[in-house]
């Protein structure tokens, strides 16, 4: 049966710490957790636990051929799983933590069932204290929207529970979120493109990288 912990502005620091520990323990044990982020609620699992990844796909009613994004609590952790070009590093250094997803290339040494080594890999460091604390305690983590396939991003834990139910071991309730989406930048080549518009505007991206191409409408 799932456990729900409050982690909103009215929750004490001690209770938030207990909730974070519960989420970390669940994920390290091969389970799933739902956490608040700087955009919407996300469901997470250990990126190197194939059983957990299978469970996450079942919870979301997601096919195995759909790529899964990776999140972490720091840029340094992301560098362990993704190859960073100079351009990608500049974007990450300027805009992380934040609502930016970078498409990079996975490190050659990796073996997991979220994508082949050397293939494109979506990576992110969210700007949310609770999310960062959980991710820092777990390491590289699959992090994707806490909704089933075809549904809109969820703003509340109750919405996440309605779709994912007891597939999830721990829910962290941070109150109602905005249900915004992250901006997605393809940095796999020298011709960097914005492929999805989101919380970060094109102007904010171009303030760091003036040459970025807007491909979000194509």
N, C-alpha and C. Protein backbone atom coordinates (compact mmCIF):
# COMPACT_ATOMS: atom_id res chain seq x y z
N UNK A 1 0.84 -1.20 0.00
CA UNK A 1 0.00 0.00 0.00
C UNK A 1 0.88 1.24 0.00
N UNK A 2 0.49 2.24 -0.78
CA UNK A 2 1.29 3.45 -0.90
C UNK A 2 1.27 4.28 0.38
N UNK A 3 2.37 5.00 0.59
CA UNK A 3 2.45 5.96 1.69
C UNK A 3 2.49 7.37 1.12
N UNK A 4 1.81 8.29 1.79
CA UNK A 4 1.76 9.69 1.35
C UNK A 4 2.34 10.56 2.45
N UNK A 5 3.27 11.42 2.07
CA UNK A 5 3.92 12.33 3.02
C UNK A 5 3.74 13.77 2.54
N UNK A 6 3.39 14.66 3.46
CA UNK A 6 3.30 16.08 3.14
C UNK A 6 4.71 16.69 3.10
N UNK A 7 4.96 17.50 2.07
CA UNK A 7 6.24 18.21 1.97
C UNK A 7 6.00 19.65 1.49
N UNK A 8 4.84 20.20 1.87
CA UNK A 8 4.50 21.55 1.41
C UNK A 8 5.08 22.61 2.34
N UNK A 9 4.71 23.86 2.10
CA UNK A 9 5.29 24.98 2.85
C UNK A 9 4.94 24.94 4.33
N UNK A 10 3.87 24.25 4.69
CA UNK A 10 3.46 24.16 6.09
C UNK A 10 4.11 22.99 6.82
N UNK A 11 4.84 22.15 6.12
CA UNK A 11 5.46 20.97 6.72
C UNK A 11 6.78 21.34 7.36
N UNK A 12 7.02 20.82 8.56
CA UNK A 12 8.27 21.13 9.26
C UNK A 12 9.47 20.53 8.54
N UNK A 13 10.63 21.11 8.78
CA UNK A 13 11.86 20.61 8.15
C UNK A 13 12.12 19.17 8.55
N UNK A 14 11.83 18.83 9.81
CA UNK A 14 12.05 17.46 10.28
C UNK A 14 11.15 16.47 9.55
N UNK A 15 9.88 16.85 9.35
CA UNK A 15 8.96 15.95 8.66
C UNK A 15 9.31 15.83 7.17
N UNK A 16 9.79 16.92 6.58
CA UNK A 16 10.22 16.85 5.19
C UNK A 16 11.41 15.92 5.06
N UNK A 17 12.34 16.00 6.01
CA UNK A 17 13.51 15.11 5.98
C UNK A 17 13.09 13.65 6.07
N UNK A 18 12.10 13.35 6.92
CA UNK A 18 11.59 11.97 7.02
C UNK A 18 10.95 11.52 5.71
N UNK A 19 10.21 12.43 5.09
CA UNK A 19 9.55 12.10 3.83
C UNK A 19 10.58 11.84 2.73
N UNK A 20 11.59 12.69 2.67
CA UNK A 20 12.66 12.52 1.67
C UNK A 20 13.35 11.18 1.87
N UNK A 21 13.65 10.84 3.12
CA UNK A 21 14.30 9.56 3.42
C UNK A 21 13.42 8.38 2.98
N UNK A 22 12.11 8.51 3.19
CA UNK A 22 11.19 7.44 2.79
C UNK A 22 11.20 7.24 1.28
N UNK A 23 11.22 8.35 0.54
CA UNK A 23 11.26 8.26 -0.92
C UNK A 23 12.57 7.65 -1.40
N UNK A 24 13.68 8.09 -0.81
CA UNK A 24 14.99 7.54 -1.18
C UNK A 24 15.03 6.04 -0.91
N UNK A 25 14.56 5.63 0.26
CA UNK A 25 14.58 4.21 0.62
C UNK A 25 13.74 3.38 -0.35
N UNK A 26 12.57 3.91 -0.71
CA UNK A 26 11.69 3.19 -1.64
C UNK A 26 12.36 2.99 -2.99
N UNK A 27 12.97 4.05 -3.50
CA UNK A 27 13.61 3.97 -4.82
C UNK A 27 14.82 3.06 -4.79
N UNK A 28 15.62 3.15 -3.73
CA UNK A 28 16.80 2.28 -3.62
C UNK A 28 16.41 0.81 -3.50
N UNK A 29 15.21 0.56 -2.98
CA UNK A 29 14.72 -0.82 -2.84
C UNK A 29 14.05 -1.34 -4.11
N UNK A 30 14.08 -0.53 -5.17
CA UNK A 30 13.49 -0.96 -6.43
C UNK A 30 12.07 -0.51 -6.65
N UNK A 31 11.59 0.40 -5.80
CA UNK A 31 10.23 0.89 -5.92
C UNK A 31 10.13 2.20 -6.68
N UNK A 32 8.93 2.76 -6.68
CA UNK A 32 8.65 4.02 -7.35
C UNK A 32 8.26 5.07 -6.32
N UNK A 33 8.58 6.32 -6.62
CA UNK A 33 8.14 7.44 -5.79
C UNK A 33 7.63 8.55 -6.70
N UNK A 34 6.65 9.28 -6.22
CA UNK A 34 6.17 10.48 -6.91
C UNK A 34 6.62 11.68 -6.10
N UNK A 35 7.25 12.63 -6.79
CA UNK A 35 7.81 13.80 -6.11
C UNK A 35 7.38 15.08 -6.82
N UNK A 36 7.31 16.20 -6.08
CA UNK A 36 7.07 17.48 -6.74
C UNK A 36 8.35 17.98 -7.40
N UNK A 37 8.20 18.69 -8.51
CA UNK A 37 9.36 19.30 -9.17
C UNK A 37 9.05 20.77 -9.44
N UNK A 38 9.92 21.43 -10.19
CA UNK A 38 9.70 22.83 -10.53
C UNK A 38 8.69 23.01 -11.66
N UNK A 39 8.16 21.92 -12.19
CA UNK A 39 7.13 22.01 -13.23
C UNK A 39 5.85 21.30 -12.76
N UNK A 40 5.85 19.99 -12.80
CA UNK A 40 4.69 19.22 -12.34
C UNK A 40 5.18 18.04 -11.49
N UNK A 41 4.26 17.17 -11.10
CA UNK A 41 4.67 15.98 -10.34
C UNK A 41 5.33 14.97 -11.28
N UNK A 42 6.34 14.28 -10.75
CA UNK A 42 7.08 13.29 -11.53
C UNK A 42 7.13 11.98 -10.78
N UNK A 43 7.19 10.89 -11.53
CA UNK A 43 7.41 9.57 -10.94
C UNK A 43 8.84 9.17 -11.24
N UNK A 44 9.52 8.62 -10.23
CA UNK A 44 10.94 8.31 -10.37
C UNK A 44 11.24 6.87 -9.98
N UNK A 45 12.36 6.37 -10.51
CA UNK A 45 12.89 5.08 -10.09
C UNK A 45 14.39 5.06 -10.34
N UNK A 46 15.05 4.06 -9.80
CA UNK A 46 16.49 3.88 -9.99
C UNK A 46 16.78 3.61 -11.47
N UNK A 47 17.65 4.43 -12.06
CA UNK A 47 17.93 4.31 -13.49
C UNK A 47 18.64 3.01 -13.86
N UNK A 48 19.23 2.34 -12.87
CA UNK A 48 19.99 1.12 -13.16
C UNK A 48 19.29 -0.14 -12.65
N UNK A 49 18.03 -0.01 -12.26
CA UNK A 49 17.25 -1.16 -11.79
C UNK A 49 16.22 -1.51 -12.86
N UNK A 50 16.50 -2.55 -13.64
CA UNK A 50 15.62 -2.90 -14.76
C UNK A 50 14.22 -3.27 -14.30
N UNK A 51 14.11 -3.93 -13.15
CA UNK A 51 12.80 -4.28 -12.63
C UNK A 51 11.98 -3.05 -12.29
N UNK A 52 12.64 -2.05 -11.70
CA UNK A 52 11.95 -0.81 -11.35
C UNK A 52 11.50 -0.07 -12.60
N UNK A 53 12.34 -0.08 -13.63
CA UNK A 53 11.98 0.59 -14.88
C UNK A 53 10.78 -0.10 -15.53
N UNK A 54 10.75 -1.41 -15.50
CA UNK A 54 9.60 -2.16 -16.02
C UNK A 54 8.34 -1.80 -15.25
N UNK A 55 8.45 -1.71 -13.93
CA UNK A 55 7.31 -1.35 -13.09
C UNK A 55 6.82 0.06 -13.42
N UNK A 56 7.75 0.99 -13.64
CA UNK A 56 7.38 2.36 -13.98
C UNK A 56 6.63 2.39 -15.30
N UNK A 57 7.11 1.64 -16.28
CA UNK A 57 6.42 1.61 -17.57
C UNK A 57 5.01 1.01 -17.43
N UNK A 58 4.87 0.00 -16.60
CA UNK A 58 3.56 -0.60 -16.37
C UNK A 58 2.62 0.42 -15.72
N UNK A 59 3.14 1.16 -14.73
CA UNK A 59 2.32 2.15 -14.03
C UNK A 59 1.82 3.22 -14.98
N UNK A 60 2.68 3.63 -15.91
CA UNK A 60 2.32 4.69 -16.85
C UNK A 60 1.63 4.16 -18.11
N UNK A 61 1.50 2.82 -18.22
CA UNK A 61 0.94 2.21 -19.43
C UNK A 61 1.75 2.64 -20.65
N UNK A 62 3.05 2.52 -20.52
CA UNK A 62 4.00 3.03 -21.51
C UNK A 62 4.74 1.90 -22.20
N UNK A 63 4.88 2.00 -23.51
CA UNK A 63 5.62 1.00 -24.27
C UNK A 63 7.11 1.08 -23.97
N UNK A 64 7.79 -0.04 -24.15
CA UNK A 64 9.22 -0.10 -23.84
C UNK A 64 10.08 0.62 -24.85
N UNK A 65 9.51 1.02 -26.00
CA UNK A 65 10.31 1.72 -27.00
C UNK A 65 10.33 3.22 -26.80
N UNK A 66 9.62 3.72 -25.79
CA UNK A 66 9.62 5.15 -25.50
C UNK A 66 10.80 5.47 -24.59
N UNK A 67 11.60 6.45 -25.01
CA UNK A 67 12.80 6.81 -24.25
C UNK A 67 12.42 7.42 -22.91
N UNK A 68 13.22 7.14 -21.91
CA UNK A 68 12.99 7.67 -20.57
C UNK A 68 14.07 8.70 -20.21
N UNK A 69 13.67 9.83 -19.64
CA UNK A 69 14.65 10.85 -19.25
C UNK A 69 15.31 10.54 -17.91
N UNK A 70 16.47 11.12 -17.72
CA UNK A 70 17.24 10.94 -16.49
C UNK A 70 17.35 12.27 -15.76
N UNK A 71 17.22 12.24 -14.45
CA UNK A 71 17.39 13.43 -13.62
C UNK A 71 18.37 13.13 -12.51
N UNK A 72 18.93 14.19 -11.94
CA UNK A 72 19.85 14.05 -10.82
C UNK A 72 19.82 15.34 -10.02
N UNK A 73 20.45 15.30 -8.85
CA UNK A 73 20.48 16.47 -7.99
C UNK A 73 21.57 17.45 -8.32
N UNK A 74 22.47 17.09 -9.25
CA UNK A 74 23.58 17.98 -9.58
C UNK A 74 24.06 17.73 -11.00
N UNK A 75 24.72 18.74 -11.57
CA UNK A 75 25.32 18.60 -12.90
C UNK A 75 26.38 17.51 -12.88
N UNK A 76 27.14 17.44 -11.79
CA UNK A 76 28.23 16.46 -11.71
C UNK A 76 27.71 15.04 -11.87
N UNK A 77 26.57 14.74 -11.24
CA UNK A 77 26.00 13.40 -11.37
C UNK A 77 25.54 13.14 -12.80
N UNK A 78 24.94 14.14 -13.44
CA UNK A 78 24.51 13.99 -14.83
C UNK A 78 25.70 13.71 -15.74
N UNK A 79 26.82 14.35 -15.48
CA UNK A 79 28.01 14.14 -16.32
C UNK A 79 28.47 12.68 -16.27
N UNK A 80 28.12 11.97 -15.23
CA UNK A 80 28.50 10.57 -15.15
C UNK A 80 27.74 9.67 -16.10
N UNK A 81 26.58 10.14 -16.59
CA UNK A 81 25.77 9.32 -17.48
C UNK A 81 25.65 9.91 -18.88
N UNK A 82 26.02 11.18 -19.05
CA UNK A 82 25.85 11.85 -20.34
C UNK A 82 27.13 12.52 -20.79
N UNK A 83 27.38 12.45 -22.10
CA UNK A 83 28.51 13.18 -22.68
C UNK A 83 28.08 14.63 -22.91
N UNK A 84 28.87 15.57 -22.39
CA UNK A 84 28.53 16.97 -22.51
C UNK A 84 29.48 17.66 -23.48
N UNK A 85 28.92 18.22 -24.55
CA UNK A 85 29.71 19.10 -25.41
C UNK A 85 29.95 20.41 -24.67
N UNK A 86 30.82 21.24 -25.20
CA UNK A 86 31.06 22.56 -24.60
C UNK A 86 29.77 23.36 -24.55
N UNK A 87 28.98 23.28 -25.63
CA UNK A 87 27.72 24.01 -25.69
C UNK A 87 26.74 23.50 -24.64
N UNK A 88 26.61 22.19 -24.53
CA UNK A 88 25.70 21.61 -23.53
C UNK A 88 26.14 22.00 -22.13
N UNK A 89 27.44 22.00 -21.89
CA UNK A 89 27.96 22.38 -20.58
C UNK A 89 27.63 23.83 -20.26
N UNK A 90 27.75 24.71 -21.26
CA UNK A 90 27.43 26.13 -21.05
C UNK A 90 25.96 26.31 -20.69
N UNK A 91 25.09 25.61 -21.40
CA UNK A 91 23.65 25.71 -21.12
C UNK A 91 23.33 25.17 -19.73
N UNK A 92 23.89 24.03 -19.39
CA UNK A 92 23.62 23.43 -18.08
C UNK A 92 24.14 24.31 -16.96
N UNK A 93 25.34 24.84 -17.13
CA UNK A 93 25.94 25.67 -16.08
C UNK A 93 25.13 26.94 -15.85
N UNK A 94 24.54 27.48 -16.92
CA UNK A 94 23.80 28.74 -16.81
C UNK A 94 22.36 28.53 -16.36
N UNK A 95 21.74 27.41 -16.73
CA UNK A 95 20.29 27.27 -16.57
C UNK A 95 19.84 26.14 -15.65
N UNK A 96 20.77 25.35 -15.14
CA UNK A 96 20.45 24.35 -14.13
C UNK A 96 20.89 24.82 -12.76
N UNK A 97 20.19 24.45 -11.70
CA UNK A 97 18.91 23.73 -11.73
C UNK A 97 17.82 24.60 -12.36
N UNK A 98 16.90 23.97 -13.05
CA UNK A 98 15.82 24.70 -13.67
C UNK A 98 15.04 23.86 -14.65
N UNK A 99 13.97 24.44 -15.24
CA UNK A 99 13.07 23.69 -16.12
C UNK A 99 13.62 23.54 -17.54
N UNK A 100 14.83 23.01 -17.64
CA UNK A 100 15.49 22.77 -18.91
C UNK A 100 15.84 21.29 -19.04
N UNK A 101 15.37 20.66 -20.11
CA UNK A 101 15.78 19.30 -20.44
C UNK A 101 16.74 19.35 -21.61
N UNK A 102 17.91 18.75 -21.44
CA UNK A 102 18.91 18.71 -22.50
C UNK A 102 18.94 17.33 -23.14
N UNK A 103 18.89 17.28 -24.45
CA UNK A 103 19.13 16.04 -25.17
C UNK A 103 20.62 15.95 -25.43
N UNK A 104 21.25 14.95 -24.84
CA UNK A 104 22.68 14.75 -24.95
C UNK A 104 22.93 13.34 -25.50
N UNK A 105 24.14 12.84 -25.32
CA UNK A 105 24.48 11.48 -25.74
C UNK A 105 24.90 10.69 -24.51
N UNK A 106 24.35 9.49 -24.36
CA UNK A 106 24.68 8.65 -23.20
C UNK A 106 26.13 8.22 -23.24
N UNK A 107 26.73 8.08 -22.07
CA UNK A 107 28.09 7.58 -21.98
C UNK A 107 28.16 6.16 -22.55
N UNK A 108 29.28 5.84 -23.19
CA UNK A 108 29.43 4.54 -23.86
C UNK A 108 29.38 3.37 -22.89
N UNK A 109 29.78 3.60 -21.64
CA UNK A 109 29.93 2.50 -20.69
C UNK A 109 28.62 2.05 -20.06
N UNK A 110 27.53 2.76 -20.33
CA UNK A 110 26.28 2.48 -19.64
C UNK A 110 25.57 1.26 -20.21
N UNK A 111 24.92 0.52 -19.32
CA UNK A 111 24.10 -0.63 -19.72
C UNK A 111 22.81 -0.57 -18.92
N UNK A 112 21.71 -0.21 -19.60
CA UNK A 112 20.41 -0.09 -18.95
C UNK A 112 19.34 -0.26 -20.00
N UNK A 113 18.08 -0.30 -19.58
CA UNK A 113 17.02 -0.49 -20.57
C UNK A 113 16.20 0.77 -20.80
N UNK A 114 16.85 1.93 -20.69
CA UNK A 114 16.18 3.18 -21.06
C UNK A 114 16.66 3.67 -22.41
N UNK A 115 17.65 3.00 -23.00
CA UNK A 115 18.22 3.41 -24.28
C UNK A 115 19.58 2.79 -24.46
N UNK A 116 20.01 2.69 -25.69
CA UNK A 116 21.30 2.07 -25.97
C UNK A 116 22.45 3.03 -25.68
N UNK A 117 23.61 2.48 -25.34
CA UNK A 117 24.80 3.30 -25.12
C UNK A 117 25.10 4.08 -26.39
N UNK A 118 25.42 5.35 -26.21
CA UNK A 118 25.73 6.21 -27.35
C UNK A 118 24.52 6.84 -27.99
N UNK A 119 23.31 6.49 -27.53
CA UNK A 119 22.09 7.07 -28.10
C UNK A 119 21.73 8.36 -27.37
N UNK A 120 20.76 9.09 -27.95
CA UNK A 120 20.32 10.34 -27.34
C UNK A 120 19.75 10.08 -25.95
N UNK A 121 20.04 10.98 -25.04
CA UNK A 121 19.61 10.83 -23.65
C UNK A 121 19.11 12.18 -23.14
N UNK A 122 17.87 12.22 -22.66
CA UNK A 122 17.31 13.44 -22.08
C UNK A 122 17.69 13.53 -20.61
N UNK A 123 18.26 14.67 -20.21
CA UNK A 123 18.74 14.82 -18.83
C UNK A 123 18.27 16.15 -18.25
N UNK A 124 18.12 16.17 -16.91
CA UNK A 124 17.60 17.37 -16.26
C UNK A 124 18.01 17.43 -14.80
N UNK A 125 18.16 18.65 -14.28
CA UNK A 125 18.36 18.90 -12.85
C UNK A 125 17.27 19.89 -12.43
N UNK A 126 16.21 19.43 -11.76
CA UNK A 126 15.09 20.32 -11.42
C UNK A 126 15.44 21.31 -10.32
N UNK A 127 14.76 22.45 -10.35
CA UNK A 127 14.97 23.49 -9.34
C UNK A 127 13.86 23.40 -8.30
N UNK A 128 13.99 22.41 -7.42
CA UNK A 128 13.00 22.19 -6.36
C UNK A 128 13.72 21.50 -5.22
N UNK A 129 13.65 22.07 -4.03
CA UNK A 129 14.46 21.57 -2.91
C UNK A 129 14.17 20.11 -2.58
N UNK A 130 12.90 19.75 -2.53
CA UNK A 130 12.55 18.36 -2.18
C UNK A 130 13.02 17.41 -3.27
N UNK A 131 12.77 17.77 -4.52
CA UNK A 131 13.21 16.92 -5.63
C UNK A 131 14.72 16.75 -5.61
N UNK A 132 15.44 17.85 -5.41
CA UNK A 132 16.90 17.77 -5.40
C UNK A 132 17.40 16.89 -4.26
N UNK A 133 16.76 16.98 -3.10
CA UNK A 133 17.18 16.17 -1.95
C UNK A 133 16.98 14.68 -2.23
N UNK A 134 15.84 14.34 -2.82
CA UNK A 134 15.58 12.93 -3.15
C UNK A 134 16.57 12.45 -4.21
N UNK A 135 16.74 13.22 -5.26
CA UNK A 135 17.63 12.81 -6.35
C UNK A 135 19.07 12.69 -5.89
N UNK A 136 19.49 13.59 -5.01
CA UNK A 136 20.86 13.52 -4.49
C UNK A 136 21.07 12.25 -3.69
N UNK A 137 20.02 11.78 -3.03
CA UNK A 137 20.13 10.58 -2.22
C UNK A 137 20.08 9.29 -3.02
N UNK A 138 19.58 9.37 -4.24
CA UNK A 138 19.42 8.16 -5.06
C UNK A 138 20.53 8.03 -6.10
N UNK A 139 20.92 9.16 -6.71
CA UNK A 139 21.85 9.11 -7.83
C UNK A 139 21.07 9.23 -9.13
N UNK A 140 21.65 8.82 -10.27
CA UNK A 140 20.94 8.93 -11.54
C UNK A 140 19.58 8.23 -11.47
N UNK A 141 18.54 8.97 -11.84
CA UNK A 141 17.17 8.53 -11.61
C UNK A 141 16.33 8.73 -12.86
N UNK A 142 15.56 7.73 -13.24
CA UNK A 142 14.55 7.95 -14.26
C UNK A 142 13.50 8.88 -13.66
N UNK A 143 13.19 9.98 -14.37
CA UNK A 143 12.18 10.92 -13.88
C UNK A 143 11.30 11.33 -15.05
N UNK A 144 10.03 11.00 -14.96
CA UNK A 144 9.08 11.30 -16.01
C UNK A 144 7.76 11.73 -15.38
N UNK A 145 6.89 12.32 -16.17
CA UNK A 145 5.65 12.84 -15.64
C UNK A 145 4.82 11.79 -14.91
N UNK A 146 4.21 12.18 -13.80
CA UNK A 146 3.45 11.25 -12.96
C UNK A 146 2.02 11.08 -13.47
N UNK A 147 1.91 10.80 -14.77
CA UNK A 147 0.60 10.56 -15.37
C UNK A 147 0.72 9.40 -16.35
N UNK A 148 -0.39 8.75 -16.63
CA UNK A 148 -0.38 7.67 -17.61
C UNK A 148 -0.28 8.26 -19.01
N UNK A 149 0.09 7.41 -19.96
CA UNK A 149 0.30 7.87 -21.33
C UNK A 149 -0.96 8.55 -21.89
N UNK A 150 -0.75 9.69 -22.54
CA UNK A 150 -1.84 10.41 -23.17
C UNK A 150 -2.55 11.39 -22.27
N UNK A 151 -2.21 11.41 -20.97
CA UNK A 151 -2.86 12.31 -20.03
C UNK A 151 -2.01 13.57 -19.83
N UNK A 152 -2.66 14.64 -19.37
CA UNK A 152 -1.96 15.90 -19.13
C UNK A 152 -1.10 15.79 -17.87
N UNK A 153 -0.08 16.65 -17.79
CA UNK A 153 0.77 16.70 -16.60
C UNK A 153 -0.09 16.95 -15.37
N UNK A 154 0.28 16.31 -14.25
CA UNK A 154 -0.56 16.39 -13.05
C UNK A 154 -0.09 17.49 -12.12
N UNK A 155 -1.05 18.19 -11.54
CA UNK A 155 -0.78 19.30 -10.63
C UNK A 155 -0.82 18.90 -9.17
N UNK A 156 -1.47 17.78 -8.85
CA UNK A 156 -1.64 17.38 -7.46
C UNK A 156 -1.30 15.90 -7.28
N UNK A 157 -0.99 15.54 -6.05
CA UNK A 157 -0.73 14.14 -5.73
C UNK A 157 -1.98 13.30 -5.97
N UNK A 158 -3.15 13.87 -5.68
CA UNK A 158 -4.39 13.12 -5.89
C UNK A 158 -4.56 12.72 -7.36
N UNK A 159 -4.20 13.62 -8.26
CA UNK A 159 -4.27 13.30 -9.69
C UNK A 159 -3.29 12.18 -10.04
N UNK A 160 -2.09 12.25 -9.45
CA UNK A 160 -1.10 11.20 -9.70
C UNK A 160 -1.59 9.85 -9.18
N UNK A 161 -2.19 9.85 -7.98
CA UNK A 161 -2.70 8.61 -7.41
C UNK A 161 -3.81 8.01 -8.27
N UNK A 162 -4.63 8.86 -8.86
CA UNK A 162 -5.74 8.37 -9.67
C UNK A 162 -5.24 7.57 -10.87
N UNK A 163 -4.07 7.95 -11.38
CA UNK A 163 -3.54 7.25 -12.55
C UNK A 163 -2.57 6.13 -12.22
N UNK A 164 -1.73 6.35 -11.22
CA UNK A 164 -0.64 5.41 -10.93
C UNK A 164 -0.95 4.47 -9.78
N UNK A 165 -1.86 4.87 -8.92
CA UNK A 165 -2.35 4.08 -7.78
C UNK A 165 -1.23 3.41 -6.99
N UNK A 166 -1.40 2.12 -6.66
CA UNK A 166 -0.46 1.45 -5.77
C UNK A 166 0.80 0.93 -6.47
N UNK A 167 0.96 1.25 -7.75
CA UNK A 167 2.26 0.98 -8.38
C UNK A 167 3.35 1.78 -7.67
N UNK A 168 2.96 2.94 -7.12
CA UNK A 168 3.90 3.85 -6.47
C UNK A 168 3.96 3.55 -4.98
N UNK A 169 5.18 3.45 -4.46
CA UNK A 169 5.36 3.13 -3.04
C UNK A 169 5.22 4.35 -2.14
N UNK A 170 5.77 5.49 -2.59
CA UNK A 170 5.77 6.70 -1.77
C UNK A 170 5.36 7.90 -2.63
N UNK A 171 4.40 8.65 -2.13
CA UNK A 171 3.99 9.92 -2.74
C UNK A 171 4.42 11.06 -1.82
N UNK A 172 5.11 12.05 -2.36
CA UNK A 172 5.44 13.26 -1.61
C UNK A 172 4.53 14.38 -2.08
N UNK A 173 3.70 14.87 -1.18
CA UNK A 173 2.66 15.84 -1.51
C UNK A 173 3.15 17.25 -1.22
N UNK A 174 3.50 17.98 -2.28
CA UNK A 174 3.96 19.36 -2.14
C UNK A 174 2.89 20.38 -2.44
N UNK A 175 1.62 19.96 -2.43
CA UNK A 175 0.54 20.88 -2.76
C UNK A 175 0.33 20.98 -4.26
N UNK A 176 -0.48 21.95 -4.66
CA UNK A 176 -0.78 22.11 -6.08
C UNK A 176 0.38 22.77 -6.81
N UNK A 177 0.78 22.17 -7.92
CA UNK A 177 1.87 22.70 -8.74
C UNK A 177 1.29 23.32 -10.01
N UNK A 178 2.16 23.94 -10.79
CA UNK A 178 1.71 24.69 -11.96
C UNK A 178 1.38 23.83 -13.17
N UNK A 179 1.94 22.61 -13.21
CA UNK A 179 1.82 21.73 -14.37
C UNK A 179 2.43 22.35 -15.62
N UNK A 180 3.47 23.15 -15.43
CA UNK A 180 4.23 23.67 -16.56
C UNK A 180 5.08 22.54 -17.15
N UNK A 181 5.71 22.80 -18.27
CA UNK A 181 6.61 21.81 -18.87
C UNK A 181 7.99 22.41 -19.03
N UNK A 182 8.99 21.55 -19.05
CA UNK A 182 10.36 22.03 -19.24
C UNK A 182 10.60 22.32 -20.72
N UNK A 183 11.51 23.24 -20.97
CA UNK A 183 11.97 23.51 -22.34
C UNK A 183 12.97 22.43 -22.72
N UNK A 184 12.86 21.91 -23.94
CA UNK A 184 13.75 20.84 -24.39
C UNK A 184 14.69 21.36 -25.47
N UNK A 185 15.99 21.19 -25.22
CA UNK A 185 17.02 21.63 -26.16
C UNK A 185 17.80 20.41 -26.64
N UNK A 186 17.90 20.26 -27.95
CA UNK A 186 18.69 19.18 -28.55
C UNK A 186 20.12 19.66 -28.72
N UNK A 187 21.01 19.14 -27.86
CA UNK A 187 22.42 19.52 -27.90
C UNK A 187 23.29 18.34 -28.33
N UNK A 188 22.72 17.44 -29.13
CA UNK A 188 23.48 16.27 -29.57
C UNK A 188 24.42 16.58 -30.73
N UNK A 189 24.22 17.74 -31.39
CA UNK A 189 25.11 18.17 -32.47
C UNK A 189 25.51 19.62 -32.22
N UNK A 190 26.35 20.15 -33.10
CA UNK A 190 26.75 21.56 -32.99
C UNK A 190 25.63 22.50 -33.38
N UNK A 191 24.62 22.00 -34.08
CA UNK A 191 23.47 22.82 -34.48
C UNK A 191 22.38 22.65 -33.42
N UNK A 192 22.51 23.40 -32.35
CA UNK A 192 21.63 23.24 -31.19
C UNK A 192 20.24 23.78 -31.51
N UNK A 193 19.21 22.99 -31.16
CA UNK A 193 17.84 23.35 -31.49
C UNK A 193 16.94 23.30 -30.26
N UNK A 194 16.00 24.24 -30.17
CA UNK A 194 14.94 24.15 -29.18
C UNK A 194 13.83 23.33 -29.82
N UNK A 195 13.60 22.12 -29.31
CA UNK A 195 12.62 21.23 -29.94
C UNK A 195 11.28 21.22 -29.21
N UNK A 196 11.23 21.78 -28.01
CA UNK A 196 9.95 21.97 -27.31
C UNK A 196 10.01 23.24 -26.49
N UNK A 197 9.07 24.13 -26.73
CA UNK A 197 9.01 25.34 -25.91
C UNK A 197 8.40 24.99 -24.56
N UNK A 198 8.83 25.71 -23.54
CA UNK A 198 8.35 25.42 -22.19
C UNK A 198 8.56 26.59 -21.27
N UNK A 199 8.84 26.29 -20.01
CA UNK A 199 8.95 27.33 -18.99
C UNK A 199 10.07 28.31 -19.29
N UNK A 200 11.19 27.84 -19.81
CA UNK A 200 12.27 28.74 -20.23
C UNK A 200 11.98 29.22 -21.65
N UNK A 201 12.00 30.52 -21.85
CA UNK A 201 11.68 31.09 -23.16
C UNK A 201 12.86 30.99 -24.12
N UNK A 202 12.57 31.16 -25.40
CA UNK A 202 13.64 31.18 -26.41
C UNK A 202 14.62 32.31 -26.11
N UNK A 203 14.10 33.45 -25.65
CA UNK A 203 14.97 34.58 -25.31
C UNK A 203 15.93 34.23 -24.18
N UNK A 204 15.45 33.49 -23.19
CA UNK A 204 16.33 33.08 -22.08
C UNK A 204 17.40 32.11 -22.56
N UNK A 205 17.04 31.22 -23.48
CA UNK A 205 18.03 30.29 -24.03
C UNK A 205 19.05 31.05 -24.86
N UNK A 206 18.58 31.98 -25.69
CA UNK A 206 19.48 32.74 -26.56
C UNK A 206 20.37 33.71 -25.80
N UNK A 207 19.97 34.06 -24.58
CA UNK A 207 20.85 34.88 -23.75
C UNK A 207 22.13 34.12 -23.40
N UNK A 208 22.04 32.80 -23.39
CA UNK A 208 23.21 31.95 -23.13
C UNK A 208 23.84 31.50 -24.44
N UNK A 209 22.98 31.13 -25.40
CA UNK A 209 23.46 30.61 -26.69
C UNK A 209 22.67 31.29 -27.82
N UNK A 210 23.18 32.42 -28.33
CA UNK A 210 22.45 33.18 -29.36
C UNK A 210 22.14 32.39 -30.63
N UNK A 211 22.92 31.37 -30.92
CA UNK A 211 22.77 30.64 -32.19
C UNK A 211 21.72 29.53 -32.14
N UNK A 212 21.06 29.33 -31.02
CA UNK A 212 20.10 28.23 -30.93
C UNK A 212 18.99 28.40 -31.96
N UNK A 213 18.60 27.31 -32.59
CA UNK A 213 17.57 27.31 -33.63
C UNK A 213 16.22 26.95 -33.00
N UNK A 214 15.18 27.71 -33.33
CA UNK A 214 13.85 27.41 -32.82
C UNK A 214 13.18 26.40 -33.75
N UNK A 215 13.17 25.14 -33.31
CA UNK A 215 12.52 24.08 -34.08
C UNK A 215 11.28 23.57 -33.37
N UNK A 216 10.78 24.32 -32.41
CA UNK A 216 9.68 23.84 -31.58
C UNK A 216 8.36 23.78 -32.33
N UNK A 217 8.22 24.55 -33.41
CA UNK A 217 6.96 24.56 -34.15
C UNK A 217 6.99 23.63 -35.36
N UNK A 218 8.12 23.01 -35.61
CA UNK A 218 8.25 22.17 -36.80
C UNK A 218 7.83 20.73 -36.51
